[in-house]
C-alpha atoms as a PDB file:
ATOM      1  CA  UNK A   1       0.000   0.000   0.000  1.00  0.00           C
ATOM      2  CA  UNK A   2       1.433   3.381  -0.986  1.00  0.00           C
ATOM      3  CA  UNK A   3       1.925   6.148   1.538  1.00  0.00           C
ATOM      4  CA  UNK A   4      -0.973   8.615   1.670  1.00  0.00           C
ATOM      5  CA  UNK A   5       1.465  11.404   2.548  1.00  0.00           C
ATOM      6  CA  UNK A   6       4.925  11.556   0.978  1.00  0.00           C
ATOM      7  CA  UNK A   7       7.680  13.547   2.682  1.00  0.00           C
ATOM      8  CA  UNK A   8      10.123  14.508  -0.046  1.00  0.00           C
ATOM      9  CA  UNK A   9      12.943  15.879   2.070  1.00  0.00           C
ATOM     10  CA  UNK A  10      15.807  17.119  -0.064  1.00  0.00           C
ATOM     11  CA  UNK A  11      18.623  18.404   2.134  1.00  0.00           C
ATOM     12  CA  UNK A  12      20.325  19.709  -1.002  1.00  0.00           C
ATOM     13  CA  UNK A  13      17.777  22.438  -1.708  1.00  0.00           C
ATOM     14  CA  UNK A  14      16.635  22.696   1.947  1.00  0.00           C
ATOM     15  CA  UNK A  15      12.976  22.245   0.992  1.00  0.00           C
ATOM     16  CA  UNK A  16      10.634  19.808   2.719  1.00  0.00           C
ATOM     17  CA  UNK A  17       7.913  18.960   0.214  1.00  0.00           C
ATOM     18  CA  UNK A  18       4.804  17.367   1.707  1.00  0.00           C
ATOM     19  CA  UNK A  19       2.904  15.606  -1.068  1.00  0.00           C
ATOM     20  CA  UNK A  20      -0.691  14.576  -0.407  1.00  0.00           C
ATOM     21  CA  UNK A  21      -1.073  11.163  -1.994  1.00  0.00           C
ATOM     22  CA  UNK A  22      -4.653   9.974  -1.466  1.00  0.00           C
ATOM     23  CA  UNK A  23      -5.141  10.079  -5.218  1.00  0.00           C
ATOM     24  CA  UNK A  24      -8.244   7.903  -5.482  1.00  0.00           C
ATOM     25  CA  UNK A  25     -10.098  10.477  -3.352  1.00  0.00           C
ATOM     26  CA  UNK A  26      -8.480  13.524  -4.923  1.00  0.00           C
ATOM     27  CA  UNK A  27      -6.285  13.884  -1.846  1.00  0.00           C
ATOM     28  CA  UNK A  28      -9.127  14.016   0.649  1.00  0.00           C
ATOM     29  CA  UNK A  29      -7.600  14.432   4.098  1.00  0.00           C
ATOM     30  CA  UNK A  30      -8.091  11.420   6.337  1.00  0.00           C
ATOM     31  CA  UNK A  31      -7.450  11.255  10.068  1.00  0.00           C
ATOM     32  CA  UNK A  32      -4.358   9.194   9.305  1.00  0.00           C
ATOM     33  CA  UNK A  33      -2.989  11.873   6.957  1.00  0.00           C
ATOM     34  CA  UNK A  34      -3.515  14.603   9.538  1.00  0.00           C
ATOM     35  CA  UNK A  35      -1.746  12.478  12.139  1.00  0.00           C
ATOM     36  CA  UNK A  36       1.228  11.807   9.858  1.00  0.00           C
ATOM     37  CA  UNK A  37       1.701  15.469   8.969  1.00  0.00           C
ATOM     38  CA  UNK A  38       1.401  16.539  12.594  1.00  0.00           C
ATOM     39  CA  UNK A  39       3.931  13.951  13.707  1.00  0.00           C
ATOM     40  CA  UNK A  40       6.497  14.879  11.057  1.00  0.00           C
ATOM     41  CA  UNK A  41       6.180  18.654  11.477  1.00  0.00           C
ATOM     42  CA  UNK A  42       6.475  18.298  15.264  1.00  0.00           C
ATOM     43  CA  UNK A  43      10.003  16.907  14.968  1.00  0.00           C
ATOM     44  CA  UNK A  44      12.069  20.039  15.600  1.00  0.00           C
ATOM     45  CA  UNK A  45      15.395  18.305  15.036  1.00  0.00           C
ATOM     46  CA  UNK A  46      14.107  17.230  11.632  1.00  0.00           C
ATOM     47  CA  UNK A  47      12.491  20.525  10.614  1.00  0.00           C
ATOM     48  CA  UNK A  48      15.586  22.571  11.487  1.00  0.00           C
ATOM     49  CA  UNK A  49      17.320  21.041   8.443  1.00  0.00           C
ATOM     50  CA  UNK A  50      15.050  22.955   6.054  1.00  0.00           C
ATOM     51  CA  UNK A  51      14.447  26.528   4.997  1.00  0.00           C
ATOM     52  CA  UNK A  52      10.980  26.039   3.562  1.00  0.00           C
ATOM     53  CA  UNK A  53       7.983  23.677   3.674  1.00  0.00           C
ATOM     54  CA  UNK A  54       5.899  23.100   0.545  1.00  0.00           C
ATOM     55  CA  UNK A  55       2.495  21.395   0.674  1.00  0.00           C
ATOM     56  CA  UNK A  56       1.031  20.118  -2.602  1.00  0.00           C
ATOM     57  CA  UNK A  57      -0.641  17.182  -4.325  1.00  0.00           C
ATOM     58  CA  UNK A  58       1.551  14.254  -5.326  1.00  0.00           C
ATOM     59  CA  UNK A  59       2.283  13.752  -9.042  1.00  0.00           C
ATOM     60  CA  UNK A  60       0.875  17.193  -9.888  1.00  0.00           C
ATOM     61  CA  UNK A  61      -2.565  16.088  -8.649  1.00  0.00           C
ATOM     62  CA  UNK A  62      -5.271  18.086  -6.893  1.00  0.00           C
ATOM     63  CA  UNK A  63      -4.264  19.886  -3.712  1.00  0.00           C
ATOM     64  CA  UNK A  64      -7.176  18.406  -1.743  1.00  0.00           C
ATOM     65  CA  UNK A  65     -10.889  17.772  -2.214  1.00  0.00           C
ATOM     66  CA  UNK A  66     -11.382  18.395   1.533  1.00  0.00           C
ATOM     67  CA  UNK A  67     -11.894  16.115   4.502  1.00  0.00           C
ATOM     68  CA  UNK A  68     -12.148  12.386   3.821  1.00  0.00           C
ATOM     69  CA  UNK A  69     -15.919  11.942   3.929  1.00  0.00           C
ATOM     70  CA  UNK A  70     -15.622   8.266   4.856  1.00  0.00           C
ATOM     71  CA  UNK A  71     -13.913   9.345   8.081  1.00  0.00           C
ATOM     72  CA  UNK A  72     -16.370  12.194   8.597  1.00  0.00           C
ATOM     73  CA  UNK A  73     -19.432   9.939   8.251  1.00  0.00           C
ATOM     74  CA  UNK A  74     -18.013   7.439  10.732  1.00  0.00           C
ATOM     75  CA  UNK A  75     -17.175  10.161  13.226  1.00  0.00           C
ATOM     76  CA  UNK A  76     -20.614  11.756  12.935  1.00  0.00           C
ATOM     77  CA  UNK A  77     -22.299   8.360  13.384  1.00  0.00           C
ATOM     78  CA  UNK A  78     -20.288   7.722  16.550  1.00  0.00           C
ATOM     79  CA  UNK A  79     -20.702  11.355  17.710  1.00  0.00           C
ATOM     80  CA  UNK A  80     -16.934  11.901  17.608  1.00  0.00           C
ATOM     81  CA  UNK A  81     -16.642  14.584  14.921  1.00  0.00           C
ATOM     82  CA  UNK A  82     -14.652  16.720  17.362  1.00  0.00           C
ATOM     83  CA  UNK A  83     -11.798  14.254  16.919  1.00  0.00           C
ATOM     84  CA  UNK A  84     -11.328  15.455  13.343  1.00  0.00           C
ATOM     85  CA  UNK A  85     -11.500  19.095  14.435  1.00  0.00           C
ATOM     86  CA  UNK A  86      -8.952  18.440  17.202  1.00  0.00           C
ATOM     87  CA  UNK A  87      -6.505  16.793  14.808  1.00  0.00           C
ATOM     88  CA  UNK A  88      -6.943  19.655  12.342  1.00  0.00           C
ATOM     89  CA  UNK A  89      -6.397  22.240  15.089  1.00  0.00           C
ATOM     90  CA  UNK A  90      -3.207  20.492  16.200  1.00  0.00           C
ATOM     91  CA  UNK A  91      -1.832  20.445  12.667  1.00  0.00           C
ATOM     92  CA  UNK A  92      -2.795  24.059  11.977  1.00  0.00           C
ATOM     93  CA  UNK A  93      -1.162  25.215  15.213  1.00  0.00           C
ATOM     94  CA  UNK A  94       2.087  23.514  14.255  1.00  0.00           C
ATOM     95  CA  UNK A  95       2.017  24.961  10.724  1.00  0.00           C
ATOM     96  CA  UNK A  96       1.613  28.505  12.036  1.00  0.00           C
ATOM     97  CA  UNK A  97       4.399  28.061  14.601  1.00  0.00           C
ATOM     98  CA  UNK A  98       7.060  26.773  12.205  1.00  0.00           C
ATOM     99  CA  UNK A  99      10.012  29.150  11.984  1.00  0.00           C
ATOM    100  CA  UNK A 100      10.311  28.658   8.237  1.00  0.00           C
ATOM    101  CA  UNK A 101       7.919  29.701   5.446  1.00  0.00           C
ATOM    102  CA  UNK A 102       5.106  27.310   4.545  1.00  0.00           C
ATOM    103  CA  UNK A 103       3.946  27.444   0.928  1.00  0.00           C
ATOM    104  CA  UNK A 104       0.889  25.713  -0.519  1.00  0.00           C
ATOM    105  CA  UNK A 105       1.057  24.957  -4.242  1.00  0.00           C
ATOM    106  CA  UNK A 106      -2.452  24.353  -5.540  1.00  0.00           C
ATOM    107  CA  UNK A 107      -3.596  22.480  -8.601  1.00  0.00           C
ATOM    108  CA  UNK A 108      -7.173  21.520  -9.433  1.00  0.00           C
ATOM    109  CA  UNK A 109      -9.259  21.306  -6.216  1.00  0.00           C
ATOM    110  CA  UNK A 110      -8.606  23.157  -2.974  1.00  0.00           C
ATOM    111  CA  UNK A 111     -11.723  22.491  -0.928  1.00  0.00           C
ATOM    112  CA  UNK A 112     -12.834  22.322   2.693  1.00  0.00           C
ATOM    113  CA  UNK A 113     -10.126  21.040   5.041  1.00  0.00           C
ATOM    114  CA  UNK A 114      -7.590  21.404   2.235  1.00  0.00           C
ATOM    115  CA  UNK A 115      -8.539  25.052   1.804  1.00  0.00           C
ATOM    116  CA  UNK A 116      -8.220  25.636   5.553  1.00  0.00           C
ATOM    117  CA  UNK A 117      -4.729  24.125   5.599  1.00  0.00           C
ATOM    118  CA  UNK A 118      -3.708  26.240   2.612  1.00  0.00           C
ATOM    119  CA  UNK A 119      -5.027  29.353   4.364  1.00  0.00           C
ATOM    120  CA  UNK A 120      -2.816  28.597   7.361  1.00  0.00           C
ATOM    121  CA  UNK A 121       0.295  28.559   5.178  1.00  0.00           C
ATOM    122  CA  UNK A 122       2.247  31.753   4.547  1.00  0.00           C
ATOM    123  CA  UNK A 123       1.982  31.772   0.767  1.00  0.00           C
ATOM    124  CA  UNK A 124      -0.500  30.191  -1.662  1.00  0.00           C
ATOM    125  CA  UNK A 125       0.471  29.750  -5.296  1.00  0.00           C
ATOM    126  CA  UNK A 126      -2.266  28.347  -7.528  1.00  0.00           C
ATOM    127  CA  UNK A 127      -2.572  27.135 -11.076  1.00  0.00           C
ATOM    128  CA  UNK A 128      -4.990  29.207 -13.135  1.00  0.00           C
ATOM    129  CA  UNK A 129      -7.345  26.235 -13.587  1.00  0.00           C
ATOM    130  CA  UNK A 130      -7.668  25.621  -9.825  1.00  0.00           C
ATOM    131  CA  UNK A 131     -10.917  26.065  -7.940  1.00  0.00           C
ATOM    132  CA  UNK A 132     -11.637  26.743  -4.297  1.00  0.00           C
ATOM    133  CA  UNK A 133     -14.562  26.014  -1.983  1.00  0.00           C
ATOM    134  CA  UNK A 134     -15.574  25.770   1.690  1.00  0.00           C
ATOM    135  CA  UNK A 135     -18.601  23.429   1.536  1.00  0.00           C
ATOM    136  CA  UNK A 136     -19.190  23.206   5.300  1.00  0.00           C
ATOM    137  CA  UNK A 137     -22.655  24.781   5.251  1.00  0.00           C
ATOM    138  CA  UNK A 138     -23.757  22.434   2.441  1.00  0.00           C
ATOM    139  CA  UNK A 139     -22.430  19.475   4.450  1.00  0.00           C
ATOM    140  CA  UNK A 140     -24.018  20.778   7.665  1.00  0.00           C
ATOM    141  CA  UNK A 141     -20.642  20.815   9.430  1.00  0.00           C
ATOM    142  CA  UNK A 142     -19.652  23.422  12.015  1.00  0.00           C
ATOM    143  CA  UNK A 143     -15.943  24.143  11.858  1.00  0.00           C
ATOM    144  CA  UNK A 144     -14.322  25.429  15.069  1.00  0.00           C
ATOM    145  CA  UNK A 145     -14.511  29.128  15.884  1.00  0.00           C
ATOM    146  CA  UNK A 146     -10.717  29.302  16.102  1.00  0.00           C
ATOM    147  CA  UNK A 147     -10.417  28.243  12.467  1.00  0.00           C
ATOM    148  CA  UNK A 148     -13.074  30.754  11.416  1.00  0.00           C
ATOM    149  CA  UNK A 149     -11.266  33.579  13.209  1.00  0.00           C
ATOM    150  CA  UNK A 150      -8.001  32.698  11.512  1.00  0.00           C
ATOM    151  CA  UNK A 151      -9.662  32.650   8.089  1.00  0.00           C
ATOM    152  CA  UNK A 152     -11.028  36.119   8.820  1.00  0.00           C
ATOM    153  CA  UNK A 153      -7.472  37.393   9.258  1.00  0.00           C
ATOM    154  CA  UNK A 154      -6.779  36.269   5.690  1.00  0.00           C
ATOM    155  CA  UNK A 155     -10.100  36.818   3.893  1.00  0.00           C
ATOM    156  CA  UNK A 156     -12.254  39.922   3.515  1.00  0.00           C
ATOM    157  CA  UNK A 157     -15.307  39.463   5.749  1.00  0.00           C
ATOM    158  CA  UNK A 158     -17.829  40.186   2.995  1.00  0.00           C
ATOM    159  CA  UNK A 159     -16.230  37.703   0.635  1.00  0.00           C
ATOM    160  CA  UNK A 160     -15.906  35.157   3.435  1.00  0.00           C
ATOM    161  CA  UNK A 161     -19.634  35.397   4.203  1.00  0.00           C
ATOM    162  CA  UNK A 162     -20.356  34.858   0.514  1.00  0.00           C
ATOM    163  CA  UNK A 163     -18.256  31.727   0.078  1.00  0.00           C
ATOM    164  CA  UNK A 164     -19.106  30.051   3.382  1.00  0.00           C
ATOM    165  CA  UNK A 165     -22.881  30.660   3.312  1.00  0.00           C
ATOM    166  CA  UNK A 166     -23.271  29.607  -0.320  1.00  0.00           C
ATOM    167  CA  UNK A 167     -20.595  26.859  -0.355  1.00  0.00           C
ATOM    168  CA  UNK A 168     -19.976  27.969  -3.946  1.00  0.00           C
ATOM    169  CA  UNK A 169     -16.847  27.200  -5.906  1.00  0.00           C
ATOM    170  CA  UNK A 170     -14.671  30.110  -6.976  1.00  0.00           C
ATOM    171  CA  UNK A 171     -11.796  30.313  -9.424  1.00  0.00           C
ATOM    172  CA  UNK A 172      -8.125  30.990  -8.828  1.00  0.00           C
ATOM    173  CA  UNK A 173      -8.579  34.275 -10.655  1.00  0.00           C
ATOM    174  CA  UNK A 174     -11.337  35.342  -8.241  1.00  0.00           C
ATOM    175  CA  UNK A 175      -9.281  34.118  -5.272  1.00  0.00           C
ATOM    176  CA  UNK A 176      -6.378  36.264  -6.465  1.00  0.00           C
ATOM    177  CA  UNK A 177      -8.588  39.319  -6.992  1.00  0.00           C
ATOM    178  CA  UNK A 178      -9.848  38.920  -3.401  1.00  0.00           C
ATOM    179  CA  UNK A 179      -6.287  38.568  -2.037  1.00  0.00           C
ATOM    180  CA  UNK A 180      -7.017  35.006  -0.896  1.00  0.00           C
ATOM    181  CA  UNK A 181      -3.994  33.641  -2.797  1.00  0.00           C
ATOM    182  CA  UNK A 182      -0.640  35.233  -3.585  1.00  0.00           C
ATOM    183  CA  UNK A 183      -0.241  34.144  -7.198  1.00  0.00           C
ATOM    184  CA  UNK A 184      -2.429  32.803 -10.000  1.00  0.00           C
ATOM    185  CA  UNK A 185      -0.163  31.189 -12.583  1.00  0.00           C
ATOM    186  CA  UNK A 186      -0.868  29.688 -15.994  1.00  0.00           C
ATOM    187  CA  UNK A 187      -0.881  25.913 -15.613  1.00  0.00           C
ATOM    188  CA  UNK A 188       1.999  25.284 -18.020  1.00  0.00           C
ATOM    189  CA  UNK A 189       4.130  27.877 -16.199  1.00  0.00           C
ATOM    190  CA  UNK A 190       3.439  26.721 -12.642  1.00  0.00           C
ATOM    191  CA  UNK A 191       6.423  24.382 -12.270  1.00  0.00           C
ATOM    192  CA  UNK A 192       8.996  26.964 -13.400  1.00  0.00           C
ATOM    193  CA  UNK A 193       7.300  29.714 -11.413  1.00  0.00           C
ATOM    194  CA  UNK A 194       7.331  27.744  -8.155  1.00  0.00           C
ATOM    195  CA  UNK A 195      10.920  26.546  -8.628  1.00  0.00           C
ATOM    196  CA  UNK A 196      12.098  30.146  -9.025  1.00  0.00           C
ATOM    197  CA  UNK A 197       9.942  31.240  -6.114  1.00  0.00           C
ATOM    198  CA  UNK A 198      11.342  28.575  -3.780  1.00  0.00           C
ATOM    199  CA  UNK A 199      14.890  29.545  -4.768  1.00  0.00           C
ATOM    200  CA  UNK A 200      14.248  33.150  -3.822  1.00  0.00           C
ATOM    201  CA  UNK A 201      13.313  31.980  -0.330  1.00  0.00           C
ATOM    202  CA  UNK A 202      15.945  29.322   0.338  1.00  0.00           C
ATOM    203  CA  UNK A 203      18.757  31.559  -0.952  1.00  0.00           C
ATOM    204  CA  UNK A 204      18.077  33.943   1.942  1.00  0.00           C
ATOM    205  CA  UNK A 205      19.506  33.583   5.434  1.00  0.00           C
ATOM    206  CA  UNK A 206      17.126  31.420   7.417  1.00  0.00           C
ATOM    207  CA  UNK A 207      17.177  33.707  10.445  1.00  0.00           C
ATOM    208  CA  UNK A 208      15.994  36.764   8.488  1.00  0.00           C
ATOM    209  CA  UNK A 209      12.964  34.868   7.155  1.00  0.00           C
ATOM    210  CA  UNK A 210      12.232  33.694  10.699  1.00  0.00           C
ATOM    211  CA  UNK A 211      12.473  37.273  11.956  1.00  0.00           C
ATOM    212  CA  UNK A 212       9.870  38.525   9.486  1.00  0.00           C
ATOM    213  CA  UNK A 213       7.606  35.512   9.907  1.00  0.00           C
ATOM    214  CA  UNK A 214       7.457  36.111  13.652  1.00  0.00           C
ATOM    215  CA  UNK A 215       6.399  39.714  13.015  1.00  0.00           C
ATOM    216  CA  UNK A 216       3.984  39.130  10.155  1.00  0.00           C
ATOM    217  CA  UNK A 217       2.141  36.108  11.516  1.00  0.00           C
ATOM    218  CA  UNK A 218       0.944  38.042  14.591  1.00  0.00           C
END
């Protein structure tokens, strides 16, 4: 059985690439995947070897279609949905406390839990054909207030009301126009764009990036 999260840790370029690899479900985020990412990113002696973390879909696949609905249905049936929220909160807390930049590279879908993870990264770079969505109201799911408040630090309140109450999909172009993402790149140019972007970060002194992250994340 293949790994549902791949940690591509090149010490040469100092980039830790986390590749979501639940391809049959368009990289839906299972409890197991959340646990694996939390465990790996919690290892300070491991993380200190890198200058940047990149989260993306394996093999140029979708970023994430959201939470794994098989897990969600089971948790709702057993009245344990808070377990998923707790695991998400733990992962999000770790992501926002890392002393190196976290970049989400989005192709295709970036929905639900995947969207929330992307919004907790420092930079989001998306292919032009990507689409975004927070379908929680359609799925009758209440996400934790803490996650909502963080999203409001990144998303204009009027636009946030629109997308969360309607659960509608919106394009990378619209996301860029609303300052939700940092770059909207033509699909065929995404690989070169991101490679150059990563180089601009890892070629800097690590401590100066950490200095600015500590200021700008607050």
